[in-house]
Structures are given as structure tokens and as C-alpha cells.
Amino acid sequence: MVCKRNDDLLYFDSYGVKFIDDSIKKFIDRCNCNKRYLNEDQIQAFNTILCAYYCMKLIKNIYIDDMDIKDSIKMFCENPSLRNQDLADDLYI
């Protein structure tokens, strides 16, 4: 997932994978942003299917709850855990 807010840009992959596709990296390079954030930690276990939940949780925090991008990422533990899964699954809008 790539999202931009003000001058901040976030590239997020819950498995911690860096740019699977060159077009994503090219898109990010073209964006005019002062700060760029990339999560390099795997916060989701490979045997789970909640990828979209993690993305939606971040989108909700950033755009609806007005949370800072950096703080939104920091709410997750640096390793896959049930806590991360519970956070992602908690999508009250």
C-alpha cells in the first residue's frame, strides 16, 4: 500500500517486503514528499490472510483518526503477533 498525507508518504507491506514491483518504486520516486516511511518489519504472520485489514487500519488511523503516519506504524509490534492481528482486526469506523 502507498499513501500520501501532506508531505509524508508511506509504503506499507504487512509482510515487510520491499518494493515487489519496480513500478511502485518509480511511483514513490516521482512523489514530491519531504518524509518517506517504509516498514521493513514483518508484522503479519505468513499463515494469516489479514493483509487488507492491516492496510485499512492504517488508512483509518491516518485519514479518519488524523494520526501521524509514523505513529500509525509504531502501534504494531516489530514481529508477527496476536496483538498485531487484534489491532488490524479492530476496524470500528
Protein backbone atom coordinates (compact mmCIF):
# COMPACT_ATOMS: atom_id res chain seq x y z
CA MET A 1 0.00 0.00 0.00
CA VAL A 2 1.18 3.52 -0.77
CA CYS A 3 -0.49 6.51 0.83
CA LYS A 4 0.36 10.17 0.98
CA ARG A 5 -0.67 12.74 3.53
CA ASN A 6 0.58 16.30 3.29
CA ASP A 7 4.33 15.95 2.61
CA ASP A 8 4.60 12.44 4.08
CA LEU A 9 4.49 9.25 2.08
CA LEU A 10 4.11 5.71 3.42
CA TYR A 11 4.94 2.46 1.68
CA PHE A 12 3.45 -0.33 3.76
CA ASP A 13 3.59 -4.09 3.39
CA SER A 14 2.48 -6.11 6.42
CA TYR A 15 4.98 -8.84 5.47
CA GLY A 16 7.81 -6.29 5.45
CA VAL A 17 8.57 -6.84 1.76
CA LYS A 18 10.34 -4.01 -0.01
CA PHE A 19 9.01 -2.93 -3.41
CA ILE A 20 7.95 -6.15 -5.13
CA ASP A 21 7.50 -4.26 -8.35
CA ASP A 22 9.76 -1.60 -9.90
CA SER A 23 6.72 0.46 -10.88
CA ILE A 24 5.96 1.01 -7.17
CA LYS A 25 9.48 2.28 -6.54
CA LYS A 26 9.27 4.54 -9.61
CA PHE A 27 5.92 5.92 -8.43
CA ILE A 28 7.35 6.69 -4.98
CA ASP A 29 10.44 8.32 -6.50
CA ARG A 30 8.18 10.65 -8.54
CA CYS A 31 6.23 11.78 -5.49
CA ASN A 32 7.29 15.10 -4.08
CA CYS A 33 7.45 14.28 -0.36
CA ASN A 34 9.64 15.58 2.44
CA LYS A 35 9.39 12.40 4.51
CA ARG A 36 9.08 8.83 3.33
CA TYR A 37 8.28 5.93 5.58
CA LEU A 38 8.79 2.28 4.79
CA ASN A 39 8.00 -0.55 7.16
CA GLU A 40 10.69 -3.19 6.90
CA ASP A 41 9.38 -5.34 9.73
CA GLN A 42 7.16 -8.32 9.16
CA ILE A 43 4.20 -7.58 11.42
CA GLN A 44 1.82 -10.16 9.93
CA ALA A 45 2.34 -13.92 10.11
CA PHE A 46 2.62 -15.68 6.74
CA ASN A 47 -0.14 -18.12 7.68
CA THR A 48 -2.76 -15.35 8.08
CA ILE A 49 -4.90 -13.63 5.47
CA LEU A 50 -5.47 -10.23 7.05
CA CYS A 51 -3.29 -8.12 4.70
CA ALA A 52 -6.13 -5.78 3.79
CA TYR A 53 -7.08 -5.39 7.45
CA TYR A 54 -3.62 -4.04 8.26
CA CYS A 55 -3.83 -1.60 5.35
CA MET A 56 -7.34 -0.49 6.27
CA LYS A 57 -6.33 0.01 9.90
CA LEU A 58 -3.53 2.34 8.82
CA ILE A 59 -5.79 4.20 6.38
CA LYS A 60 -8.38 4.67 9.14
CA ASN A 61 -5.77 5.89 11.62
CA ILE A 62 -4.16 8.31 9.17
CA TYR A 63 -7.15 9.73 7.32
CA ILE A 64 -10.09 9.33 9.71
CA ASP A 65 -8.46 9.46 13.15
CA ASP A 66 -5.89 12.06 11.99
CA MET A 67 -2.97 10.06 13.38
CA ASP A 68 0.58 10.76 12.27
CA ILE A 69 1.91 8.23 9.73
CA LYS A 70 4.92 7.39 11.86
CA ASP A 71 2.75 6.84 14.96
CA SER A 72 0.35 4.66 12.98
CA ILE A 73 3.13 2.27 12.04
CA LYS A 74 4.61 2.25 15.55
CA MET A 75 1.38 0.94 17.08
CA PHE A 76 2.26 -2.52 15.70
CA CYS A 77 4.92 -4.76 17.28
CA GLU A 78 8.01 -5.36 15.15
CA ASN A 79 7.22 -9.07 14.81
CA PRO A 80 4.08 -11.01 13.91
CA SER A 81 1.90 -11.37 16.99
CA LEU A 82 -1.66 -11.89 18.12
CA ARG A 83 -1.57 -8.29 19.37
CA ASN A 84 -0.89 -7.04 15.82
CA GLN A 85 -3.63 -9.27 14.48
CA ASP A 86 -6.10 -7.93 17.06
CA LEU A 87 -5.15 -4.33 16.20
CA ALA A 88 -5.68 -4.96 12.49
CA ASP A 89 -8.98 -6.71 13.11
CA ASP A 90 -10.28 -3.80 15.24
CA LEU A 91 -11.77 -1.63 12.50
CA TYR A 92 -14.56 0.37 14.09
CA ILE A 93 -15.40 3.19 11.72
